[in-house]
Structures are given as C-alpha cells and as structure tokens.
PDB file of all heavy atoms in Angstrom:
ATOM      1  N   LYS A   1     115.606   0.203   6.679  1.00  0.00           N
ATOM      2  CA  LYS A   1     115.708  -1.209   6.282  1.00  0.00           C
ATOM      3  C   LYS A   1     115.355  -1.425   4.814  1.00  0.00           C
ATOM      4  O   LYS A   1     116.106  -2.064   4.080  1.00  0.00           O
ATOM      5  CB  LYS A   1     114.798  -2.085   7.155  1.00  0.00           C
ATOM      6  CG  LYS A   1     115.154  -2.107   8.618  1.00  0.00           C
ATOM      7  CD  LYS A   1     114.204  -2.963   9.422  1.00  0.00           C
ATOM      8  CE  LYS A   1     112.745  -2.624   9.273  1.00  0.00           C
ATOM      9  NZ  LYS A   1     112.363  -1.265   9.686  1.00  0.00           N
ATOM     10  N   SER A   2     114.226  -0.905   4.383  1.00  0.00           N
ATOM     11  CA  SER A   2     113.783  -1.136   3.002  1.00  0.00           C
ATOM     12  C   SER A   2     114.699  -0.454   1.995  1.00  0.00           C
ATOM     13  O   SER A   2     115.008  -1.015   0.945  1.00  0.00           O
ATOM     14  CB  SER A   2     112.342  -0.664   2.816  1.00  0.00           C
ATOM     15  OG  SER A   2     111.477  -1.425   3.627  1.00  0.00           O
ATOM     16  N   THR A   3     115.148   0.747   2.315  1.00  0.00           N
ATOM     17  CA  THR A   3     116.094   1.447   1.440  1.00  0.00           C
ATOM     18  C   THR A   3     117.390   0.653   1.338  1.00  0.00           C
ATOM     19  O   THR A   3     117.929   0.449   0.245  1.00  0.00           O
ATOM     20  CB  THR A   3     116.370   2.867   1.976  1.00  0.00           C
ATOM     21  OG1 THR A   3     115.136   3.581   2.023  1.00  0.00           O
ATOM     22  CG2 THR A   3     117.375   3.603   1.110  1.00  0.00           C
ATOM     23  N   PHE A   4     117.889   0.186   2.465  1.00  0.00           N
ATOM     24  CA  PHE A   4     119.098  -0.635   2.501  1.00  0.00           C
ATOM     25  C   PHE A   4     118.905  -1.896   1.656  1.00  0.00           C
ATOM     26  O   PHE A   4     119.777  -2.264   0.863  1.00  0.00           O
ATOM     27  CB  PHE A   4     119.387  -1.005   3.953  1.00  0.00           C
ATOM     28  CG  PHE A   4     120.629  -1.832   4.147  1.00  0.00           C
ATOM     29  CD1 PHE A   4     121.852  -1.234   4.358  1.00  0.00           C
ATOM     30  CD2 PHE A   4     120.554  -3.223   4.156  1.00  0.00           C
ATOM     31  CE1 PHE A   4     122.998  -1.997   4.556  1.00  0.00           C
ATOM     32  CE2 PHE A   4     121.689  -3.990   4.358  1.00  0.00           C
ATOM     33  CZ  PHE A   4     122.918  -3.370   4.548  1.00  0.00           C
ATOM     34  N   ALA A   5     117.751  -2.536   1.812  1.00  0.00           N
ATOM     35  CA  ALA A   5     117.484  -3.769   1.065  1.00  0.00           C
ATOM     36  C   ALA A   5     117.514  -3.493  -0.437  1.00  0.00           C
ATOM     37  O   ALA A   5     118.132  -4.251  -1.204  1.00  0.00           O
ATOM     38  CB  ALA A   5     116.141  -4.362   1.483  1.00  0.00           C
ATOM     39  N   ARG A   6     116.861  -2.424  -0.867  1.00  0.00           N
ATOM     40  CA  ARG A   6     116.832  -2.095  -2.299  1.00  0.00           C
ATOM     41  C   ARG A   6     118.225  -1.771  -2.827  1.00  0.00           C
ATOM     42  O   ARG A   6     118.523  -2.034  -3.985  1.00  0.00           O
ATOM     43  CB  ARG A   6     115.884  -0.925  -2.559  1.00  0.00           C
ATOM     44  CG  ARG A   6     114.416  -1.304  -2.472  1.00  0.00           C
ATOM     45  CD  ARG A   6     113.507  -0.182  -2.975  1.00  0.00           C
ATOM     46  NE  ARG A   6     113.691   1.078  -2.278  1.00  0.00           N
ATOM     47  CZ  ARG A   6     113.074   1.421  -1.145  1.00  0.00           C
ATOM     48  NH1 ARG A   6     112.226   0.577  -0.587  1.00  0.00           N
ATOM     49  NH2 ARG A   6     113.299   2.596  -0.600  1.00  0.00           N
ATOM     50  N   GLN A   7     119.094  -1.194  -1.989  1.00  0.00           N
ATOM     51  CA  GLN A   7     120.444  -0.825  -2.419  1.00  0.00           C
ATOM     52  C   GLN A   7     121.386  -2.027  -2.494  1.00  0.00           C
ATOM     53  O   GLN A   7     122.372  -1.986  -3.218  1.00  0.00           O
ATOM     54  CB  GLN A   7     121.044   0.202  -1.463  1.00  0.00           C
ATOM     55  CG  GLN A   7     120.382   1.541  -1.519  1.00  0.00           C
ATOM     56  CD  GLN A   7     120.879   2.481  -0.434  1.00  0.00           C
ATOM     57  OE1 GLN A   7     121.502   2.068   0.549  1.00  0.00           O
ATOM     58  NE2 GLN A   7     120.602   3.759  -0.596  1.00  0.00           N
ATOM     59  N   HIS A   8     121.118  -3.070  -1.722  1.00  0.00           N
ATOM     60  CA  HIS A   8     122.065  -4.175  -1.589  1.00  0.00           C
ATOM     61  C   HIS A   8     121.625  -5.498  -2.203  1.00  0.00           C
ATOM     62  O   HIS A   8     122.460  -6.385  -2.382  1.00  0.00           O
ATOM     63  CB  HIS A   8     122.380  -4.402  -0.104  1.00  0.00           C
ATOM     64  CG  HIS A   8     123.213  -3.322   0.488  1.00  0.00           C
ATOM     65  ND1 HIS A   8     122.679  -2.156   0.972  1.00  0.00           N
ATOM     66  CD2 HIS A   8     124.547  -3.217   0.647  1.00  0.00           C
ATOM     67  CE1 HIS A   8     123.654  -1.385   1.413  1.00  0.00           C
ATOM     68  NE2 HIS A   8     124.790  -1.990   1.230  1.00  0.00           N
ATOM     69  N   PHE A   9     120.336  -5.641  -2.488  1.00  0.00           N
ATOM     70  CA  PHE A   9     119.837  -6.947  -2.915  1.00  0.00           C
ATOM     71  C   PHE A   9     118.919  -6.828  -4.121  1.00  0.00           C
ATOM     72  O   PHE A   9     118.313  -5.777  -4.350  1.00  0.00           O
ATOM     73  CB  PHE A   9     119.080  -7.621  -1.760  1.00  0.00           C
ATOM     74  CG  PHE A   9     119.895  -7.739  -0.511  1.00  0.00           C
ATOM     75  CD1 PHE A   9     119.685  -6.891   0.556  1.00  0.00           C
ATOM     76  CD2 PHE A   9     120.909  -8.681  -0.406  1.00  0.00           C
ATOM     77  CE1 PHE A   9     120.440  -6.971   1.719  1.00  0.00           C
ATOM     78  CE2 PHE A   9     121.687  -8.768   0.731  1.00  0.00           C
ATOM     79  CZ  PHE A   9     121.451  -7.911   1.794  1.00  0.00           C
ATOM     80  N   LYS A  10     118.819  -7.924  -4.858  1.00  0.00           N
ATOM     81  CA  LYS A  10     117.878  -7.986  -5.965  1.00  0.00           C
ATOM     82  C   LYS A  10     116.457  -8.005  -5.398  1.00  0.00           C
ATOM     83  O   LYS A  10     116.235  -8.550  -4.308  1.00  0.00           O
ATOM     84  CB  LYS A  10     118.098  -9.255  -6.796  1.00  0.00           C
ATOM     85  CG  LYS A  10     119.439  -9.309  -7.492  1.00  0.00           C
ATOM     86  CD  LYS A  10     119.556 -10.493  -8.417  1.00  0.00           C
ATOM     87  CE  LYS A  10     119.537 -11.800  -7.665  1.00  0.00           C
ATOM     88  NZ  LYS A  10     119.844 -12.969  -8.511  1.00  0.00           N
ATOM     89  N   PRO A  11     115.490  -7.444  -6.128  1.00  0.00           N
ATOM     90  CA  PRO A  11     114.105  -7.439  -5.633  1.00  0.00           C
ATOM     91  C   PRO A  11     113.581  -8.830  -5.275  1.00  0.00           C
ATOM     92  O   PRO A  11     112.834  -8.974  -4.306  1.00  0.00           O
ATOM     93  CB  PRO A  11     113.308  -6.833  -6.789  1.00  0.00           C
ATOM     94  CG  PRO A  11     114.301  -6.003  -7.540  1.00  0.00           C
ATOM     95  CD  PRO A  11     115.622  -6.736  -7.399  1.00  0.00           C
ATOM     96  N   THR A  12     113.993  -9.835  -6.023  1.00  0.00           N
ATOM     97  CA  THR A  12     113.505 -11.192  -5.755  1.00  0.00           C
ATOM     98  C   THR A  12     114.096 -11.796  -4.494  1.00  0.00           C
ATOM     99  O   THR A  12     113.560 -12.772  -3.966  1.00  0.00           O
ATOM    100  CB  THR A  12     113.793 -12.119  -6.947  1.00  0.00           C
ATOM    101  OG1 THR A  12     115.207 -12.067  -7.240  1.00  0.00           O
ATOM    102  CG2 THR A  12     112.984 -11.709  -8.170  1.00  0.00           C
ATOM    103  N   GLU A  13     115.191 -11.227  -3.996  1.00  0.00           N
ATOM    104  CA  GLU A  13     115.815 -11.745  -2.782  1.00  0.00           C
ATOM    105  C   GLU A  13     115.159 -11.208  -1.506  1.00  0.00           C
ATOM    106  O   GLU A  13     115.396 -11.720  -0.424  1.00  0.00           O
ATOM    107  CB  GLU A  13     117.306 -11.379  -2.768  1.00  0.00           C
ATOM    108  CG  GLU A  13     118.090 -12.041  -3.876  1.00  0.00           C
ATOM    109  CD  GLU A  13     119.501 -11.515  -4.026  1.00  0.00           C
ATOM    110  OE1 GLU A  13     119.770 -10.338  -3.685  1.00  0.00           O
ATOM    111  OE2 GLU A  13     120.357 -12.285  -4.509  1.00  0.00           O
ATOM    112  N   ILE A  14     114.322 -10.194  -1.651  1.00  0.00           N
ATOM    113  CA  ILE A  14     113.725  -9.509  -0.507  1.00  0.00           C
ATOM    114  C   ILE A  14     112.310 -10.018  -0.243  1.00  0.00           C
ATOM    115  O   ILE A  14     111.444  -9.940  -1.116  1.00  0.00           O
ATOM    116  CB  ILE A  14     113.686  -7.982  -0.745  1.00  0.00           C
ATOM    117  CG1 ILE A  14     115.088  -7.451  -1.048  1.00  0.00           C
ATOM    118  CG2 ILE A  14     113.056  -7.269   0.449  1.00  0.00           C
ATOM    119  CD1 ILE A  14     115.105  -6.045  -1.626  1.00  0.00           C
ATOM    120  N   ALA A  15     112.097 -10.526   0.961  1.00  0.00           N
ATOM    121  CA  ALA A  15     110.760 -10.923   1.407  1.00  0.00           C
ATOM    122  C   ALA A  15     110.297  -9.832   2.375  1.00  0.00           C
ATOM    123  O   ALA A  15     110.820  -9.715   3.482  1.00  0.00           O
ATOM    124  CB  ALA A  15     110.795 -12.287   2.086  1.00  0.00           C
ATOM    125  N   SER A  16     109.333  -9.027   1.940  1.00  0.00           N
ATOM    126  CA  SER A  16     108.923  -7.839   2.685  1.00  0.00           C
ATOM    127  C   SER A  16     107.541  -8.002   3.301  1.00  0.00           C
ATOM    128  O   SER A  16     106.587  -8.362   2.605  1.00  0.00           O
ATOM    129  CB  SER A  16     108.916  -6.639   1.726  1.00  0.00           C
ATOM    130  OG  SER A  16     108.189  -5.565   2.251  1.00  0.00           O
ATOM    131  N   SER A  17     107.441  -7.683   4.587  1.00  0.00           N
ATOM    132  CA  SER A  17     106.134  -7.742   5.244  1.00  0.00           C
ATOM    133  C   SER A  17     105.181  -6.709   4.642  1.00  0.00           C
ATOM    134  O   SER A  17     103.983  -6.994   4.478  1.00  0.00           O
ATOM    135  CB  SER A  17     106.280  -7.539   6.751  1.00  0.00           C
ATOM    136  OG  SER A  17     106.862  -6.287   7.033  1.00  0.00           O
ATOM    137  N   ASP A  18     105.686  -5.538   4.283  1.00  0.00           N
ATOM    138  CA  ASP A  18     104.816  -4.525   3.679  1.00  0.00           C
ATOM    139  C   ASP A  18     104.278  -5.011   2.331  1.00  0.00           C
ATOM    140  O   ASP A  18     103.097  -4.848   2.030  1.00  0.00           O
ATOM    141  CB  ASP A  18     105.570  -3.207   3.478  1.00  0.00           C
ATOM    142  CG  ASP A  18     105.854  -2.478   4.779  1.00  0.00           C
ATOM    143  OD1 ASP A  18     105.178  -2.768   5.792  1.00  0.00           O
ATOM    144  OD2 ASP A  18     106.755  -1.626   4.786  1.00  0.00           O
ATOM    145  N   PHE A  19     105.145  -5.598   1.517  1.00  0.00           N
ATOM    146  CA  PHE A  19     104.714  -6.105   0.222  1.00  0.00           C
ATOM    147  C   PHE A  19     103.665  -7.198   0.395  1.00  0.00           C
ATOM    148  O   PHE A  19     102.657  -7.229  -0.317  1.00  0.00           O
ATOM    149  CB  PHE A  19     105.914  -6.622  -0.585  1.00  0.00           C
ATOM    150  CG  PHE A  19     105.531  -7.124  -1.949  1.00  0.00           C
ATOM    151  CD1 PHE A  19     105.205  -6.237  -2.959  1.00  0.00           C
ATOM    152  CD2 PHE A  19     105.502  -8.480  -2.217  1.00  0.00           C
ATOM    153  CE1 PHE A  19     104.839  -6.702  -4.219  1.00  0.00           C
ATOM    154  CE2 PHE A  19     105.138  -8.952  -3.474  1.00  0.00           C
ATOM    155  CZ  PHE A  19     104.811  -8.060  -4.486  1.00  0.00           C
ATOM    156  N   CYS A  20     103.884  -8.085   1.363  1.00  0.00           N
ATOM    157  CA  CYS A  20     102.912  -9.158   1.600  1.00  0.00           C
ATOM    158  C   CYS A  20     101.587  -8.605   2.107  1.00  0.00           C
ATOM    159  O   CYS A  20     100.511  -9.105   1.745  1.00  0.00           O
ATOM    160  CB  CYS A  20     103.481 -10.189   2.575  1.00  0.00           C
ATOM    161  SG  CYS A  20     104.802 -11.181   1.843  1.00  0.00           S
ATOM    162  N   ARG A  21     101.638  -7.547   2.904  1.00  0.00           N
ATOM    163  CA  ARG A  21     100.405  -6.893   3.360  1.00  0.00           C
ATOM    164  C   ARG A  21      99.661  -6.326   2.152  1.00  0.00           C
ATOM    165  O   ARG A  21      98.437  -6.448   2.042  1.00  0.00           O
ATOM    166  CB  ARG A  21     100.744  -5.793   4.377  1.00  0.00           C
ATOM    167  CG  ARG A  21      99.628  -5.475   5.325  1.00  0.00           C
ATOM    168  CD  ARG A  21     100.044  -4.474   6.400  1.00  0.00           C
ATOM    169  NE  ARG A  21     100.888  -5.101   7.416  1.00  0.00           N
ATOM    170  CZ  ARG A  21     102.176  -4.858   7.595  1.00  0.00           C
ATOM    171  NH1 ARG A  21     102.810  -3.976   6.848  1.00  0.00           N
ATOM    172  NH2 ARG A  21     102.862  -5.474   8.526  1.00  0.00           N
ATOM    173  N   ALA A  22     100.396  -5.726   1.226  1.00  0.00           N
ATOM    174  CA  ALA A  22      99.774  -5.193   0.011  1.00  0.00           C
ATOM    175  C   ALA A  22      99.205  -6.320  -0.848  1.00  0.00           C
ATOM    176  O   ALA A  22      98.130  -6.170  -1.447  1.00  0.00           O
ATOM    177  CB  ALA A  22     100.793  -4.377  -0.783  1.00  0.00           C
ATOM    178  N   LEU A  23      99.892  -7.441  -0.891  1.00  0.00           N
ATOM    179  CA  LEU A  23      99.391  -8.577  -1.676  1.00  0.00           C
ATOM    180  C   LEU A  23      98.030  -9.068  -1.182  1.00  0.00           C
ATOM    181  O   LEU A  23      97.156  -9.379  -1.985  1.00  0.00           O
ATOM    182  CB  LEU A  23     100.374  -9.750  -1.616  1.00  0.00           C
ATOM    183  CG  LEU A  23     101.606  -9.695  -2.484  1.00  0.00           C
ATOM    184  CD1 LEU A  23     102.513 -10.891  -2.191  1.00  0.00           C
ATOM    185  CD2 LEU A  23     101.242  -9.663  -3.955  1.00  0.00           C
ATOM    186  N   VAL A  24      97.870  -9.128   0.128  1.00  0.00           N
ATOM    187  CA  VAL A  24      96.631  -9.694   0.670  1.00  0.00           C
ATOM    188  C   VAL A  24      95.535  -8.659   0.885  1.00  0.00           C
ATOM    189  O   VAL A  24      94.362  -9.029   0.974  1.00  0.00           O
ATOM    190  CB  VAL A  24      96.862 -10.495   1.980  1.00  0.00           C
ATOM    191  CG1 VAL A  24      97.830 -11.641   1.738  1.00  0.00           C
ATOM    192  CG2 VAL A  24      97.346  -9.619   3.110  1.00  0.00           C
ATOM    193  N   ALA A  25      95.885  -7.360   0.955  1.00  0.00           N
ATOM    194  CA  ALA A  25      94.871  -6.353   1.270  1.00  0.00           C
ATOM    195  C   ALA A  25      94.893  -5.138   0.333  1.00  0.00           C
ATOM    196  O   ALA A  25      94.153  -4.187   0.564  1.00  0.00           O
ATOM    197  CB  ALA A  25      95.053  -5.868   2.713  1.00  0.00           C
ATOM    198  N   ASP A  26      95.751  -5.176  -0.685  1.00  0.00           N
ATOM    199  CA  ASP A  26      95.907  -4.043  -1.600  1.00  0.00           C
ATOM    200  C   ASP A  26      96.371  -2.771  -0.904  1.00  0.00           C
ATOM    201  O   ASP A  26      96.233  -1.683  -1.449  1.00  0.00           O
ATOM    202  CB  ASP A  26      94.604  -3.751  -2.366  1.00  0.00           C
ATOM    203  CG  ASP A  26      94.250  -4.847  -3.355  1.00  0.00           C
ATOM    204  OD1 ASP A  26      95.183  -5.471  -3.904  1.00  0.00           O
ATOM    205  OD2 ASP A  26      93.047  -5.091  -3.554  1.00  0.00           O
ATOM    206  N   ASP A  27      96.892  -2.903   0.306  1.00  0.00           N
ATOM    207  CA  ASP A  27      97.332  -1.727   1.064  1.00  0.00           C
ATOM    208  C   ASP A  27      98.385  -2.161   2.075  1.00  0.00           C
ATOM    209  O   ASP A  27      98.069  -2.844   3.051  1.00  0.00           O
ATOM    210  CB  ASP A  27      96.137  -1.096   1.774  1.00  0.00           C
ATOM    211  CG  ASP A  27      96.487   0.158   2.562  1.00  0.00           C
ATOM    212  OD1 ASP A  27      97.671   0.562   2.587  1.00  0.00           O
ATOM    213  OD2 ASP A  27      95.558   0.728   3.167  1.00  0.00           O
TER     214      ASP A  27
END
C-alpha cells in the first residue's frame, strides 16, 4: 500500500496512519 501510494500520489495527498503514529509518538 505505502509503496503504491508513493508511486501514484504526491506526498501531500497521502494521509498515513504510520506517519501519524510517528507524529504523536516519534515512532
């Protein structure tokens, strides 16, 4: 999923649960 997202969409178009987890917990 994440690889597909990076290949098809701009970074700003992707809302990622992993990224949000890193935002709130640094991990």
